[in-house]
């Protein structure tokens, strides 16, 4: 769930966020010229599509 374009969706996003649910799409972080997994912090080449350490996948 991404940021909400109208008030009702914003209220729902806030409800979810208050209860510990993610409301924004997670993506790779960057560290120098590498992709960094937001879950475990492992570094990968730019061509990586999922984390080979913990299995995190931004497409899921």
C-alpha atoms as a PDB file:
ATOM      1  CA  UNK A   1       0.000   0.000   0.000  1.00  0.00           C
ATOM      2  CA  UNK A   2       1.423   3.340  -0.983  1.00  0.00           C
ATOM      3  CA  UNK A   3       0.627   6.853   0.123  1.00  0.00           C
ATOM      4  CA  UNK A   4      -3.037   7.698  -0.195  1.00  0.00           C
ATOM      5  CA  UNK A   5      -4.379  10.201  -2.730  1.00  0.00           C
ATOM      6  CA  UNK A   6      -7.586  11.018  -0.794  1.00  0.00           C
ATOM      7  CA  UNK A   7      -8.616  11.544   2.832  1.00  0.00           C
ATOM      8  CA  UNK A   8     -10.355   8.167   3.295  1.00  0.00           C
ATOM      9  CA  UNK A   9      -7.332   6.231   2.085  1.00  0.00           C
ATOM     10  CA  UNK A  10      -5.009   8.414   4.179  1.00  0.00           C
ATOM     11  CA  UNK A  11      -7.092   7.597   7.250  1.00  0.00           C
ATOM     12  CA  UNK A  12      -6.922   3.873   6.423  1.00  0.00           C
ATOM     13  CA  UNK A  13      -3.146   4.081   5.879  1.00  0.00           C
ATOM     14  CA  UNK A  14      -2.787   5.785   9.276  1.00  0.00           C
ATOM     15  CA  UNK A  15      -4.924   3.052  10.892  1.00  0.00           C
ATOM     16  CA  UNK A  16      -2.655   0.355   9.431  1.00  0.00           C
ATOM     17  CA  UNK A  17       0.532   2.225  10.296  1.00  0.00           C
ATOM     18  CA  UNK A  18      -0.588   2.693  13.919  1.00  0.00           C
ATOM     19  CA  UNK A  19      -0.972  -1.077  14.203  1.00  0.00           C
ATOM     20  CA  UNK A  20       2.455  -1.917  12.809  1.00  0.00           C
ATOM     21  CA  UNK A  21       1.564  -2.663   9.193  1.00  0.00           C
ATOM     22  CA  UNK A  22       3.713  -1.252   6.402  1.00  0.00           C
ATOM     23  CA  UNK A  23       1.886   1.206   4.179  1.00  0.00           C
ATOM     24  CA  UNK A  24       4.656   2.099   1.759  1.00  0.00           C
ATOM     25  CA  UNK A  25       6.411  -0.024  -0.803  1.00  0.00           C
ATOM     26  CA  UNK A  26       9.839  -1.111   0.383  1.00  0.00           C
ATOM     27  CA  UNK A  27      12.690  -0.985  -2.074  1.00  0.00           C
ATOM     28  CA  UNK A  28      16.430  -1.514  -2.073  1.00  0.00           C
ATOM     29  CA  UNK A  29      18.579   0.942  -0.172  1.00  0.00           C
ATOM     30  CA  UNK A  30      21.900   1.986  -1.684  1.00  0.00           C
ATOM     31  CA  UNK A  31      25.376   1.888  -0.230  1.00  0.00           C
ATOM     32  CA  UNK A  32      28.094   3.221  -2.494  1.00  0.00           C
ATOM     33  CA  UNK A  33      27.563   1.370  -5.792  1.00  0.00           C
ATOM     34  CA  UNK A  34      25.725  -1.601  -4.249  1.00  0.00           C
ATOM     35  CA  UNK A  35      22.122  -2.449  -3.423  1.00  0.00           C
ATOM     36  CA  UNK A  36      21.503  -2.982   0.280  1.00  0.00           C
ATOM     37  CA  UNK A  37      18.727  -5.201   1.614  1.00  0.00           C
ATOM     38  CA  UNK A  38      16.407  -3.227   3.931  1.00  0.00           C
ATOM     39  CA  UNK A  39      15.715  -6.351   6.035  1.00  0.00           C
ATOM     40  CA  UNK A  40      19.168  -7.748   6.797  1.00  0.00           C
ATOM     41  CA  UNK A  41      21.577  -5.128   5.415  1.00  0.00           C
ATOM     42  CA  UNK A  42      23.371  -7.492   3.010  1.00  0.00           C
ATOM     43  CA  UNK A  43      25.063  -5.863   0.016  1.00  0.00           C
ATOM     44  CA  UNK A  44      24.425  -7.010  -3.561  1.00  0.00           C
ATOM     45  CA  UNK A  45      25.412  -6.060  -7.096  1.00  0.00           C
ATOM     46  CA  UNK A  46      23.138  -3.654  -9.001  1.00  0.00           C
ATOM     47  CA  UNK A  47      21.755  -6.605 -11.001  1.00  0.00           C
ATOM     48  CA  UNK A  48      20.299  -8.358  -7.924  1.00  0.00           C
ATOM     49  CA  UNK A  49      16.542  -8.902  -7.902  1.00  0.00           C
ATOM     50  CA  UNK A  50      16.268 -10.498  -4.441  1.00  0.00           C
ATOM     51  CA  UNK A  51      18.428 -10.891  -1.344  1.00  0.00           C
ATOM     52  CA  UNK A  52      20.537 -14.043  -1.471  1.00  0.00           C
ATOM     53  CA  UNK A  53      21.081 -13.872   2.302  1.00  0.00           C
ATOM     54  CA  UNK A  54      17.573 -13.564   3.775  1.00  0.00           C
ATOM     55  CA  UNK A  55      15.398 -14.026   0.680  1.00  0.00           C
ATOM     56  CA  UNK A  56      13.782 -10.550   0.756  1.00  0.00           C
ATOM     57  CA  UNK A  57      12.206  -9.650  -2.594  1.00  0.00           C
ATOM     58  CA  UNK A  58      10.853  -6.164  -3.364  1.00  0.00           C
ATOM     59  CA  UNK A  59       8.458  -7.610  -5.941  1.00  0.00           C
ATOM     60  CA  UNK A  60       6.506  -9.574  -3.310  1.00  0.00           C
END
